Amino acid sequence: MDRWNRVSQFLTHHAGSKRFFALVVMLAVAWGIVGIVDGPSRAWELSITCGVPILTLLMVIVLQHAQSRDSKASQLKLNELLVALEEPDSRIIRAEALGDSDLTRLGDEYHDRA
């Protein structure tokens, strides 16, 4: 596994933990206390108004990468199960590559068959 995937996996694993939540709460409280004690300076205000959106964007990118990777792994596992069938439908094996209208049509066809 390359470095990006290891970092992404590490961040997504720890970002959902209780420890990480506690750390974020403590940082927010510390930020508020610094603002009360020192007075709300421009640097104090900018640390939140600029820092949080940047960190949020970075976390969204990391989480999206992890979700895409997990989804792809699940698709591969499902494809393996489909190929193990005696007569797999090739349209189903490549369903993730179909457009929305094709997926709807295929879903309707399987709904009718059921």
PDB file of N, CA and C in Angstrom:
ATOM      1  N   MET A   1       0.856  -1.174   0.000  1.00  0.00           N
ATOM      2  CA  MET A   1       0.000   0.000   0.000  1.00  0.00           C
ATOM      3  C   MET A   1       0.902   1.236   0.000  1.00  0.00           C
ATOM      4  N   ASP A   2       0.574   2.209  -0.836  1.00  0.00           N
ATOM      5  CA  ASP A   2       1.408   3.404  -0.914  1.00  0.00           C
ATOM      6  C   ASP A   2       1.167   4.342   0.266  1.00  0.00           C
ATOM      7  N   ARG A   3       1.992   5.351   0.356  1.00  0.00           N
ATOM      8  CA  ARG A   3       1.963   6.277   1.501  1.00  0.00           C
ATOM      9  C   ARG A   3       0.626   7.002   1.617  1.00  0.00           C
ATOM     10  N   TRP A   4       0.068   7.464   0.477  1.00  0.00           N
ATOM     11  CA  TRP A   4      -1.210   8.197   0.506  1.00  0.00           C
ATOM     12  C   TRP A   4      -2.319   7.329   1.089  1.00  0.00           C
ATOM     13  N   ASN A   5      -2.395   6.073   0.673  1.00  0.00           N
ATOM     14  CA  ASN A   5      -3.432   5.182   1.195  1.00  0.00           C
ATOM     15  C   ASN A   5      -3.232   4.899   2.680  1.00  0.00           C
ATOM     16  N   ARG A   6      -1.982   4.754   3.121  1.00  0.00           N
ATOM     17  CA  ARG A   6      -1.730   4.533   4.552  1.00  0.00           C
ATOM     18  C   ARG A   6      -2.145   5.745   5.374  1.00  0.00           C
ATOM     19  N   VAL A   7      -1.789   6.937   4.906  1.00  0.00           N
ATOM     20  CA  VAL A   7      -2.160   8.167   5.624  1.00  0.00           C
ATOM     21  C   VAL A   7      -3.673   8.331   5.634  1.00  0.00           C
ATOM     22  N   SER A   8      -4.299   8.106   4.497  1.00  0.00           N
ATOM     23  CA  SER A   8      -5.755   8.222   4.398  1.00  0.00           C
ATOM     24  C   SER A   8      -6.448   7.247   5.341  1.00  0.00           C
ATOM     25  N   GLN A   9      -5.991   6.009   5.344  1.00  0.00           N
ATOM     26  CA  GLN A   9      -6.582   5.004   6.222  1.00  0.00           C
ATOM     27  C   GLN A   9      -6.374   5.373   7.694  1.00  0.00           C
ATOM     28  N   PHE A  10      -5.186   5.851   8.028  1.00  0.00           N
ATOM     29  CA  PHE A  10      -4.893   6.265   9.400  1.00  0.00           C
ATOM     30  C   PHE A  10      -5.810   7.410   9.827  1.00  0.00           C
ATOM     31  N   LEU A  11      -5.934   8.434   8.970  1.00  0.00           N
ATOM     32  CA  LEU A  11      -6.763   9.595   9.307  1.00  0.00           C
ATOM     33  C   LEU A  11      -8.235   9.227   9.435  1.00  0.00           C
ATOM     34  N   THR A  12      -8.755   8.440   8.507  1.00  0.00           N
ATOM     35  CA  THR A  12     -10.172   8.092   8.588  1.00  0.00           C
ATOM     36  C   THR A  12     -10.465   7.209   9.789  1.00  0.00           C
ATOM     37  N   HIS A  13      -9.511   6.367  10.140  1.00  0.00           N
ATOM     38  CA  HIS A  13      -9.712   5.511  11.315  1.00  0.00           C
ATOM     39  C   HIS A  13      -9.753   6.351  12.591  1.00  0.00           C
ATOM     40  N   HIS A  14      -8.828   7.291  12.711  1.00  0.00           N
ATOM     41  CA  HIS A  14      -8.742   8.080  13.939  1.00  0.00           C
ATOM     42  C   HIS A  14      -9.699   9.268  13.970  1.00  0.00           C
ATOM     43  N   ALA A  15     -10.109   9.770  12.804  1.00  0.00           N
ATOM     44  CA  ALA A  15     -11.003  10.936  12.772  1.00  0.00           C
ATOM     45  C   ALA A  15     -12.376  10.616  13.336  1.00  0.00           C
ATOM     46  N   GLY A  16     -12.772   9.366  13.320  1.00  0.00           N
ATOM     47  CA  GLY A  16     -14.069   8.996  13.861  1.00  0.00           C
ATOM     48  C   GLY A  16     -14.017   8.499  15.292  1.00  0.00           C
ATOM     49  N   SER A  17     -12.883   8.651  15.941  1.00  0.00           N
ATOM     50  CA  SER A  17     -12.742   8.114  17.288  1.00  0.00           C
ATOM     51  C   SER A  17     -13.189   9.115  18.353  1.00  0.00           C
ATOM     52  N   LYS A  18     -13.426   8.601  19.542  1.00  0.00           N
ATOM     53  CA  LYS A  18     -13.803   9.445  20.677  1.00  0.00           C
ATOM     54  C   LYS A  18     -12.659  10.371  21.066  1.00  0.00           C
ATOM     55  N   ARG A  19     -11.429   9.869  20.945  1.00  0.00           N
ATOM     56  CA  ARG A  19     -10.259  10.689  21.279  1.00  0.00           C
ATOM     57  C   ARG A  19     -10.171  11.921  20.392  1.00  0.00           C
ATOM     58  N   PHE A  20     -10.387  11.717  19.098  1.00  0.00           N
ATOM     59  CA  PHE A  20     -10.314  12.828  18.160  1.00  0.00           C
ATOM     60  C   PHE A  20     -11.409  13.848  18.455  1.00  0.00           C
ATOM     61  N   PHE A  21     -12.607  13.361  18.749  1.00  0.00           N
ATOM     62  CA  PHE A  21     -13.699  14.258  19.108  1.00  0.00           C
ATOM     63  C   PHE A  21     -13.339  15.064  20.356  1.00  0.00           C
ATOM     64  N   ALA A  22     -12.789  14.401  21.367  1.00  0.00           N
ATOM     65  CA  ALA A  22     -12.386  15.082  22.599  1.00  0.00           C
ATOM     66  C   ALA A  22     -11.300  16.115  22.309  1.00  0.00           C
ATOM     67  N   LEU A  23     -10.358  15.776  21.424  1.00  0.00           N
ATOM     68  CA  LEU A  23      -9.293  16.711  21.061  1.00  0.00           C
ATOM     69  C   LEU A  23      -9.871  17.957  20.389  1.00  0.00           C
ATOM     70  N   VAL A  24     -10.817  17.775  19.487  1.00  0.00           N
ATOM     71  CA  VAL A  24     -11.428  18.912  18.799  1.00  0.00           C
ATOM     72  C   VAL A  24     -12.201  19.791  19.787  1.00  0.00           C
ATOM     73  N   VAL A  25     -12.923  19.168  20.704  1.00  0.00           N
ATOM     74  CA  VAL A  25     -13.652  19.935  21.717  1.00  0.00           C
ATOM     75  C   VAL A  25     -12.675  20.720  22.591  1.00  0.00           C
ATOM     76  N   MET A  26     -11.587  20.060  23.012  1.00  0.00           N
ATOM     77  CA  MET A  26     -10.595  20.762  23.843  1.00  0.00           C
ATOM     78  C   MET A  26      -9.949  21.925  23.088  1.00  0.00           C
ATOM     79  N   LEU A  27      -9.651  21.741  21.806  1.00  0.00           N
ATOM     80  CA  LEU A  27      -9.081  22.834  21.017  1.00  0.00           C
ATOM     81  C   LEU A  27     -10.069  23.995  20.879  1.00  0.00           C
ATOM     82  N   ALA A  28     -11.340  23.699  20.694  1.00  0.00           N
ATOM     83  CA  ALA A  28     -12.352  24.754  20.580  1.00  0.00           C
ATOM     84  C   ALA A  28     -12.490  25.517  21.897  1.00  0.00           C
ATOM     85  N   VAL A  29     -12.469  24.776  23.002  1.00  0.00           N
ATOM     86  CA  VAL A  29     -12.552  25.429  24.318  1.00  0.00           C
ATOM     87  C   VAL A  29     -11.309  26.279  24.557  1.00  0.00           C
ATOM     88  N   ALA A  30     -10.135  25.745  24.212  1.00  0.00           N
ATOM     89  CA  ALA A  30      -8.891  26.505  24.393  1.00  0.00           C
ATOM     90  C   ALA A  30      -8.906  27.760  23.532  1.00  0.00           C
ATOM     91  N   TRP A  31      -9.399  27.642  22.294  1.00  0.00           N
ATOM     92  CA  TRP A  31      -9.500  28.802  21.418  1.00  0.00           C
ATOM     93  C   TRP A  31     -10.408  29.860  22.038  1.00  0.00           C
ATOM     94  N   GLY A  32     -11.542  29.428  22.583  1.00  0.00           N
ATOM     95  CA  GLY A  32     -12.457  30.363  23.227  1.00  0.00           C
ATOM     96  C   GLY A  32     -11.846  31.023  24.452  1.00  0.00           C
ATOM     97  N   ILE A  33     -11.125  30.259  25.262  1.00  0.00           N
ATOM     98  CA  ILE A  33     -10.486  30.809  26.464  1.00  0.00           C
ATOM     99  C   ILE A  33      -9.424  31.830  26.088  1.00  0.00           C
ATOM    100  N   VAL A  34      -8.623  31.524  25.061  1.00  0.00           N
ATOM    101  CA  VAL A  34      -7.603  32.480  24.607  1.00  0.00           C
ATOM    102  C   VAL A  34      -8.273  33.773  24.160  1.00  0.00           C
ATOM    103  N   GLY A  35      -9.390  33.685  23.479  1.00  0.00           N
ATOM    104  CA  GLY A  35     -10.109  34.882  23.044  1.00  0.00           C
ATOM    105  C   GLY A  35     -10.653  35.686  24.205  1.00  0.00           C
ATOM    106  N   ILE A  36     -11.100  35.007  25.256  1.00  0.00           N
ATOM    107  CA  ILE A  36     -11.631  35.710  26.431  1.00  0.00           C
ATOM    108  C   ILE A  36     -10.504  36.368  27.217  1.00  0.00           C
ATOM    109  N   VAL A  37      -9.415  35.630  27.418  1.00  0.00           N
ATOM    110  CA  VAL A  37      -8.307  36.136  28.235  1.00  0.00           C
ATOM    111  C   VAL A  37      -7.558  37.265  27.529  1.00  0.00           C
ATOM    112  N   ASP A  38      -7.178  37.058  26.284  1.00  0.00           N
ATOM    113  CA  ASP A  38      -6.384  38.055  25.559  1.00  0.00           C
ATOM    114  C   ASP A  38      -7.225  39.071  24.811  1.00  0.00           C
ATOM    115  N   GLY A  39      -8.488  38.837  24.724  1.00  0.00           N
ATOM    116  CA  GLY A  39      -9.344  39.707  23.927  1.00  0.00           C
ATOM    117  C   GLY A  39      -9.362  39.218  22.490  1.00  0.00           C
ATOM    118  N   PRO A  40     -10.479  39.409  21.815  1.00  0.00           N
ATOM    119  CA  PRO A  40     -10.608  38.892  20.449  1.00  0.00           C
ATOM    120  C   PRO A  40      -9.774  39.698  19.445  1.00  0.00           C
ATOM    121  N   SER A  41      -8.546  39.264  19.200  1.00  0.00           N
ATOM    122  CA  SER A  41      -7.671  39.939  18.235  1.00  0.00           C
ATOM    123  C   SER A  41      -7.969  39.458  16.824  1.00  0.00           C
ATOM    124  N   ARG A  42      -7.382  40.116  15.869  1.00  0.00           N
ATOM    125  CA  ARG A  42      -7.573  39.740  14.460  1.00  0.00           C
ATOM    126  C   ARG A  42      -6.968  38.356  14.190  1.00  0.00           C
ATOM    127  N   ALA A  43      -5.800  38.069  14.737  1.00  0.00           N
ATOM    128  CA  ALA A  43      -5.155  36.766  14.546  1.00  0.00           C
ATOM    129  C   ALA A  43      -5.996  35.656  15.176  1.00  0.00           C
ATOM    130  N   TRP A  44      -6.590  35.939  16.319  1.00  0.00           N
ATOM    131  CA  TRP A  44      -7.443  34.957  17.005  1.00  0.00           C
ATOM    132  C   TRP A  44      -8.647  34.619  16.128  1.00  0.00           C
ATOM    133  N   GLU A  45      -9.247  35.645  15.557  1.00  0.00           N
ATOM    134  CA  GLU A  45     -10.416  35.443  14.705  1.00  0.00           C
ATOM    135  C   GLU A  45     -10.042  34.708  13.411  1.00  0.00           C
ATOM    136  N   LEU A  46      -8.925  35.084  12.796  1.00  0.00           N
ATOM    137  CA  LEU A  46      -8.495  34.461  11.545  1.00  0.00           C
ATOM    138  C   LEU A  46      -8.106  33.000  11.719  1.00  0.00           C
ATOM    139  N   SER A  47      -7.634  32.650  12.912  1.00  0.00           N
ATOM    140  CA  SER A  47      -7.238  31.257  13.135  1.00  0.00           C
ATOM    141  C   SER A  47      -8.419  30.314  12.954  1.00  0.00           C
ATOM    142  N   ILE A  48      -9.601  30.758  13.294  1.00  0.00           N
ATOM    143  CA  ILE A  48     -10.789  29.923  13.112  1.00  0.00           C
ATOM    144  C   ILE A  48     -11.402  30.123  11.735  1.00  0.00           C
ATOM    145  N   THR A  49     -11.562  31.371  11.313  1.00  0.00           N
ATOM    146  CA  THR A  49     -12.253  31.622  10.053  1.00  0.00           C
ATOM    147  C   THR A  49     -11.477  31.116   8.839  1.00  0.00           C
ATOM    148  N   CYS A  50     -10.171  30.989   8.950  1.00  0.00           N
ATOM    149  CA  CYS A  50      -9.374  30.455   7.829  1.00  0.00           C
ATOM    150  C   CYS A  50      -8.968  29.003   8.060  1.00  0.00           C
ATOM    151  N   GLY A  51      -8.630  28.672   9.281  1.00  0.00           N
ATOM    152  CA  GLY A  51      -8.117  27.336   9.577  1.00  0.00           C
ATOM    153  C   GLY A  51      -9.151  26.234   9.456  1.00  0.00           C
ATOM    154  N   VAL A  52     -10.324  26.458   9.998  1.00  0.00           N
ATOM    155  CA  VAL A  52     -11.356  25.407  10.003  1.00  0.00           C
ATOM    156  C   VAL A  52     -11.823  25.034   8.597  1.00  0.00           C
ATOM    157  N   PRO A  53     -12.130  25.987   7.721  1.00  0.00           N
ATOM    158  CA  PRO A  53     -12.536  25.571   6.367  1.00  0.00           C
ATOM    159  C   PRO A  53     -11.448  24.799   5.615  1.00  0.00           C
ATOM    160  N   ILE A  54     -10.197  25.186   5.797  1.00  0.00           N
ATOM    161  CA  ILE A  54      -9.105  24.468   5.133  1.00  0.00           C
ATOM    162  C   ILE A  54      -9.015  23.049   5.663  1.00  0.00           C
ATOM    163  N   LEU A  55      -9.061  22.877   6.973  1.00  0.00           N
ATOM    164  CA  LEU A  55      -9.018  21.537   7.562  1.00  0.00           C
ATOM    165  C   LEU A  55     -10.242  20.714   7.151  1.00  0.00           C
ATOM    166  N   THR A  56     -11.392  21.356   7.068  1.00  0.00           N
ATOM    167  CA  THR A  56     -12.604  20.654   6.647  1.00  0.00           C
ATOM    168  C   THR A  56     -12.466  20.154   5.216  1.00  0.00           C
ATOM    169  N   LEU A  57     -11.960  20.991   4.333  1.00  0.00           N
ATOM    170  CA  LEU A  57     -11.765  20.584   2.947  1.00  0.00           C
ATOM    171  C   LEU A  57     -10.794  19.406   2.852  1.00  0.00           C
ATOM    172  N   LEU A  58      -9.696  19.477   3.591  1.00  0.00           N
ATOM    173  CA  LEU A  58      -8.726  18.383   3.578  1.00  0.00           C
ATOM    174  C   LEU A  58      -9.346  17.084   4.084  1.00  0.00           C
ATOM    175  N   MET A  59     -10.144  17.158   5.140  1.00  0.00           N
ATOM    176  CA  MET A  59     -10.789  15.953   5.671  1.00  0.00           C
ATOM    177  C   MET A  59     -11.823  15.405   4.688  1.00  0.00           C
ATOM    178  N   VAL A  60     -12.544  16.274   3.990  1.00  0.00           N
ATOM    179  CA  VAL A  60     -13.513  15.809   2.994  1.00  0.00           C
ATOM    180  C   VAL A  60     -12.788  15.050   1.885  1.00  0.00           C
ATOM    181  N   ILE A  61     -11.644  15.556   1.453  1.00  0.00           N
ATOM    182  CA  ILE A  61     -10.873  14.878   0.409  1.00  0.00           C
ATOM    183  C   ILE A  61     -10.400  13.523   0.890  1.00  0.00           C
ATOM    184  N   VAL A  62      -9.873  13.460   2.105  1.00  0.00           N
ATOM    185  CA  VAL A  62      -9.379  12.191   2.654  1.00  0.00           C
ATOM    186  C   VAL A  62     -10.530  11.201   2.824  1.00  0.00           C
ATOM    187  N   LEU A  63     -11.649  11.652   3.360  1.00  0.00           N
ATOM    188  CA  LEU A  63     -12.793  10.764   3.566  1.00  0.00           C
ATOM    189  C   LEU A  63     -13.382  10.291   2.234  1.00  0.00           C
ATOM    190  N   GLN A  64     -13.433  11.170   1.243  1.00  0.00           N
ATOM    191  CA  GLN A  64     -13.937  10.773  -0.069  1.00  0.00           C
ATOM    192  C   GLN A  64     -13.035   9.717  -0.694  1.00  0.00           C
ATOM    193  N   HIS A  65     -11.729   9.889  -0.541  1.00  0.00           N
ATOM    194  CA  HIS A  65     -10.789   8.890  -1.055  1.00  0.00           C
ATOM    195  C   HIS A  65     -11.019   7.542  -0.379  1.00  0.00           C
ATOM    196  N   ALA A  66     -11.153   7.555   0.933  1.00  0.00           N
ATOM    197  CA  ALA A  66     -11.362   6.304   1.678  1.00  0.00           C
ATOM    198  C   ALA A  66     -12.681   5.651   1.272  1.00  0.00           C
ATOM    199  N   GLN A  67     -13.724   6.451   1.109  1.00  0.00           N
ATOM    200  CA  GLN A  67     -15.025   5.905   0.715  1.00  0.00           C
ATOM    201  C   GLN A  67     -14.956   5.315  -0.693  1.00  0.00           C
ATOM    202  N   SER A  68     -14.298   5.994  -1.603  1.00  0.00           N
ATOM    203  CA  SER A  68     -14.165   5.479  -2.970  1.00  0.00           C
ATOM    204  C   SER A  68     -13.377   4.175  -2.982  1.00  0.00           C
ATOM    205  N   ARG A  69     -12.320   4.121  -2.197  1.00  0.00           N
ATOM    206  CA  ARG A  69     -11.502   2.912  -2.131  1.00  0.00           C
ATOM    207  C   ARG A  69     -12.303   1.745  -1.557  1.00  0.00           C
ATOM    208  N   ASP A  70     -13.053   1.988  -0.491  1.00  0.00           N
ATOM    209  CA  ASP A  70     -13.877   0.937   0.103  1.00  0.00           C
ATOM    210  C   ASP A  70     -14.970   0.476  -0.864  1.00  0.00           C
ATOM    211  N   SER A  71     -15.567   1.424  -1.569  1.00  0.00           N
ATOM    212  CA  SER A  71     -16.609   1.087  -2.530  1.00  0.00           C
ATOM    213  C   SER A  71     -16.041   0.227  -3.656  1.00  0.00           C
ATOM    214  N   LYS A  72     -14.866   0.584  -4.133  1.00  0.00           N
ATOM    215  CA  LYS A  72     -14.240  -0.192  -5.206  1.00  0.00           C
ATOM    216  C   LYS A  72     -13.915  -1.609  -4.731  1.00  0.00           C
ATOM    217  N   ALA A  73     -13.415  -1.736  -3.503  1.00  0.00           N
ATOM    218  CA  ALA A  73     -13.117  -3.062  -2.955  1.00  0.00           C
ATOM    219  C   ALA A  73     -14.391  -3.888  -2.828  1.00  0.00           C
ATOM    220  N   SER A  74     -15.478  -3.278  -2.386  1.00  0.00           N
ATOM    221  CA  SER A  74     -16.761  -3.994  -2.283  1.00  0.00           C
ATOM    222  C   SER A  74     -17.253  -4.439  -3.650  1.00  0.00           C
ATOM    223  N   GLN A  75     -17.102  -3.561  -4.649  1.00  0.00           N
ATOM    224  CA  GLN A  75     -17.507  -3.920  -6.007  1.00  0.00           C
ATOM    225  C   GLN A  75     -16.711  -5.116  -6.518  1.00  0.00           C
ATOM    226  N   LEU A  76     -15.424  -5.134  -6.240  1.00  0.00           N
ATOM    227  CA  LEU A  76     -14.601  -6.261  -6.687  1.00  0.00           C
ATOM    228  C   LEU A  76     -15.028  -7.564  -6.015  1.00  0.00           C
ATOM    229  N   LYS A  77     -15.355  -7.489  -4.733  1.00  0.00           N
ATOM    230  CA  LYS A  77     -15.806  -8.687  -4.022  1.00  0.00           C
ATOM    231  C   LYS A  77     -17.141  -9.180  -4.578  1.00  0.00           C
ATOM    232  N   LEU A  78     -18.046  -8.252  -4.850  1.00  0.00           N
ATOM    233  CA  LEU A  78     -19.337  -8.641  -5.431  1.00  0.00           C
ATOM    234  C   LEU A  78     -19.157  -9.215  -6.842  1.00  0.00           C
ATOM    235  N   ASN A  79     -18.242  -8.623  -7.616  1.00  0.00           N
ATOM    236  CA  ASN A  79     -17.973  -9.148  -8.949  1.00  0.00           C
ATOM    237  C   ASN A  79     -17.443 -10.578  -8.881  1.00  0.00           C
ATOM    238  N   GLU A  80     -16.613 -10.850  -7.888  1.00  0.00           N
ATOM    239  CA  GLU A  80     -16.095 -12.212  -7.718  1.00  0.00           C
ATOM    240  C   GLU A  80     -17.237 -13.187  -7.446  1.00  0.00           C
ATOM    241  N   LEU A  81     -18.192 -12.782  -6.638  1.00  0.00           N
ATOM    242  CA  LEU A  81     -19.352 -13.634  -6.373  1.00  0.00           C
ATOM    243  C   LEU A  81     -20.197 -13.850  -7.629  1.00  0.00           C
ATOM    244  N   LEU A  82     -20.372 -12.786  -8.405  1.00  0.00           N
ATOM    245  CA  LEU A  82     -21.155 -12.905  -9.639  1.00  0.00           C
ATOM    246  C   LEU A  82     -20.470 -13.831 -10.651  1.00  0.00           C
ATOM    247  N   VAL A  83     -19.154 -13.716 -10.768  1.00  0.00           N
ATOM    248  CA  VAL A  83     -18.419 -14.552 -11.710  1.00  0.00           C
ATOM    249  C   VAL A  83     -18.490 -16.018 -11.285  1.00  0.00           C
ATOM    250  N   ALA A  84     -18.623 -16.275  -9.995  1.00  0.00           N
ATOM    251  CA  ALA A  84     -18.705 -17.649  -9.499  1.00  0.00           C
ATOM    252  C   ALA A  84     -20.028 -18.320  -9.886  1.00  0.00           C
ATOM    253  N   LEU A  85     -21.036 -17.534 -10.260  1.00  0.00           N
ATOM    254  CA  LEU A  85     -22.302 -18.113 -10.712  1.00  0.00           C
ATOM    255  C   LEU A  85     -22.102 -18.817 -12.051  1.00  0.00           C
ATOM    256  N   GLU A  86     -22.982 -19.750 -12.357  1.00  0.00           N
ATOM    257  CA  GLU A  86     -22.845 -20.501 -13.608  1.00  0.00           C
ATOM    258  C   GLU A  86     -23.061 -19.614 -14.833  1.00  0.00           C
ATOM    259  N   GLU A  87     -24.064 -18.768 -14.798  1.00  0.00           N
ATOM    260  CA  GLU A  87     -24.352 -17.907 -15.945  1.00  0.00           C
ATOM    261  C   GLU A  87     -24.495 -16.459 -15.482  1.00  0.00           C
ATOM    262  N   PRO A  88     -23.381 -15.779 -15.204  1.00  0.00           N
ATOM    263  CA  PRO A  88     -23.482 -14.385 -14.741  1.00  0.00           C
ATOM    264  C   PRO A  88     -23.888 -13.449 -15.873  1.00  0.00           C
ATOM    265  N   ASP A  89     -24.616 -12.413 -15.543  1.00  0.00           N
ATOM    266  CA  ASP A  89     -25.023 -11.391 -16.507  1.00  0.00           C
ATOM    267  C   ASP A  89     -23.898 -10.359 -16.574  1.00  0.00           C
ATOM    268  N   SER A  90     -23.258 -10.240 -17.718  1.00  0.00           N
ATOM    269  CA  SER A  90     -22.110  -9.334 -17.856  1.00  0.00           C
ATOM    270  C   SER A  90     -22.502  -7.875 -17.612  1.00  0.00           C
ATOM    271  N   ARG A  91     -23.769  -7.526 -17.841  1.00  0.00           N
ATOM    272  CA  ARG A  91     -24.201  -6.144 -17.570  1.00  0.00           C
ATOM    273  C   ARG A  91     -24.142  -5.840 -16.081  1.00  0.00           C
ATOM    274  N   ILE A  92     -24.394  -6.833 -15.251  1.00  0.00           N
ATOM    275  CA  ILE A  92     -24.367  -6.632 -13.806  1.00  0.00           C
ATOM    276  C   ILE A  92     -22.932  -6.499 -13.311  1.00  0.00           C
ATOM    277  N   ILE A  93     -22.039  -7.277 -13.875  1.00  0.00           N
ATOM    278  CA  ILE A  93     -20.643  -7.243 -13.435  1.00  0.00           C
ATOM    279  C   ILE A  93     -20.043  -5.863 -13.653  1.00  0.00           C
ATOM    280  N   ARG A  94     -20.422  -5.201 -14.723  1.00  0.00           N
ATOM    281  CA  ARG A  94     -19.905  -3.857 -15.018  1.00  0.00           C
ATOM    282  C   ARG A  94     -20.932  -2.769 -14.715  1.00  0.00           C
ATOM    283  N   ALA A  95     -21.836  -2.989 -13.800  1.00  0.00           N
ATOM    284  CA  ALA A  95     -22.923  -2.039 -13.520  1.00  0.00           C
ATOM    285  C   ALA A  95     -22.408  -0.690 -13.039  1.00  0.00           C
ATOM    286  N   GLU A  96     -21.278  -0.660 -12.326  1.00  0.00           N
ATOM    287  CA  GLU A  96     -20.780   0.617 -11.820  1.00  0.00           C
ATOM    288  C   GLU A  96     -20.336   1.553 -12.944  1.00  0.00           C
ATOM    289  N   ALA A  97     -20.106   1.014 -14.150  1.00  0.00           N
ATOM    290  CA  ALA A  97     -19.683   1.832 -15.277  1.00  0.00           C
ATOM    291  C   ALA A  97     -20.858   2.337 -16.108  1.00  0.00           C
ATOM    292  N   LEU A  98     -22.073   1.887 -15.801  1.00  0.00           N
ATOM    293  CA  LEU A  98     -23.255   2.303 -16.559  1.00  0.00           C
ATOM    294  C   LEU A  98     -23.702   3.697 -16.148  1.00  0.00           C
ATOM    295  N   GLY A  99     -24.401   4.354 -17.047  1.00  0.00           N
ATOM    296  CA  GLY A  99     -24.977   5.659 -16.741  1.00  0.00           C
ATOM    297  C   GLY A  99     -26.227   5.514 -15.886  1.00  0.00           C
ATOM    298  N   ASP A 100     -26.745   6.615 -15.411  1.00  0.00           N
ATOM    299  CA  ASP A 100     -27.917   6.590 -14.531  1.00  0.00           C
ATOM    300  C   ASP A 100     -29.139   5.983 -15.221  1.00  0.00           C
ATOM    301  N   SER A 101     -29.376   6.366 -16.480  1.00  0.00           N
ATOM    302  CA  SER A 101     -30.551   5.837 -17.172  1.00  0.00           C
ATOM    303  C   SER A 101     -30.410   4.330 -17.412  1.00  0.00           C
ATOM    304  N   ASP A 102     -29.190   3.875 -17.740  1.00  0.00           N
ATOM    305  CA  ASP A 102     -28.963   2.441 -17.938  1.00  0.00           C
ATOM    306  C   ASP A 102     -29.155   1.667 -16.642  1.00  0.00           C
ATOM    307  N   LEU A 103     -28.685   2.248 -15.539  1.00  0.00           N
ATOM    308  CA  LEU A 103     -28.870   1.597 -14.235  1.00  0.00           C
ATOM    309  C   LEU A 103     -30.343   1.500 -13.873  1.00  0.00           C
ATOM    310  N   THR A 104     -31.093   2.557 -14.152  1.00  0.00           N
ATOM    311  CA  THR A 104     -32.524   2.548 -13.867  1.00  0.00           C
ATOM    312  C   THR A 104     -33.223   1.480 -14.700  1.00  0.00           C
ATOM    313  N   ARG A 105     -32.886   1.419 -15.980  1.00  0.00           N
ATOM    314  CA  ARG A 105     -33.477   0.430 -16.871  1.00  0.00           C
ATOM    315  C   ARG A 105     -33.125  -0.996 -16.416  1.00  0.00           C
ATOM    316  N   LEU A 106     -31.859  -1.218 -16.045  1.00  0.00           N
ATOM    317  CA  LEU A 106     -31.430  -2.533 -15.578  1.00  0.00           C
ATOM    318  C   LEU A 106     -32.110  -2.896 -14.261  1.00  0.00           C
ATOM    319  N   GLY A 107     -32.241  -1.905 -13.381  1.00  0.00           N
ATOM    320  CA  GLY A 107     -32.932  -2.139 -12.116  1.00  0.00           C
ATOM    321  C   GLY A 107     -34.384  -2.495 -12.327  1.00  0.00           C
ATOM    322  N   ASP A 108     -35.034  -1.794 -13.250  1.00  0.00           N
ATOM    323  CA  ASP A 108     -36.435  -2.102 -13.568  1.00  0.00           C
ATOM    324  C   ASP A 108     -36.574  -3.511 -14.133  1.00  0.00           C
ATOM    325  N   GLU A 109     -35.614  -3.891 -14.984  1.00  0.00           N
ATOM    326  CA  GLU A 109     -35.653  -5.232 -15.580  1.00  0.00           C
ATOM    327  C   GLU A 109     -35.530  -6.303 -14.506  1.00  0.00           C
ATOM    328  N   TYR A 110     -34.617  -6.121 -13.574  1.00  0.00           N
ATOM    329  CA  TYR A 110     -34.453  -7.119 -12.505  1.00  0.00           C
ATOM    330  C   TYR A 110     -35.622  -7.088 -11.525  1.00  0.00           C
ATOM    331  N   HIS A 111     -36.210  -5.925 -11.337  1.00  0.00           N
ATOM    332  CA  HIS A 111     -37.397  -5.829 -10.477  1.00  0.00           C
ATOM    333  C   HIS A 111     -38.546  -6.618 -11.095  1.00  0.00           C
ATOM    334  N   ASP A 112     -38.709  -6.501 -12.412  1.00  0.00           N
ATOM    335  CA  ASP A 112     -39.760  -7.244 -13.101  1.00  0.00           C
ATOM    336  C   ASP A 112     -39.499  -8.756 -13.046  1.00  0.00           C
ATOM    337  N   ARG A 113     -38.242  -9.147 -13.170  1.00  0.00           N
ATOM    338  CA  ARG A 113     -37.892 -10.574 -13.098  1.00  0.00           C
ATOM    339  C   ARG A 113     -38.164 -11.153 -11.717  1.00  0.00           C
ATOM    340  N   ALA A 114     -37.985 -10.348 -10.695  1.00  0.00           N
ATOM    341  CA  ALA A 114     -38.199 -10.828  -9.327  1.00  0.00           C
ATOM    342  C   ALA A 114     -39.679 -11.010  -9.082  1.00  0.00           C
TER     343      ALA A 114
END
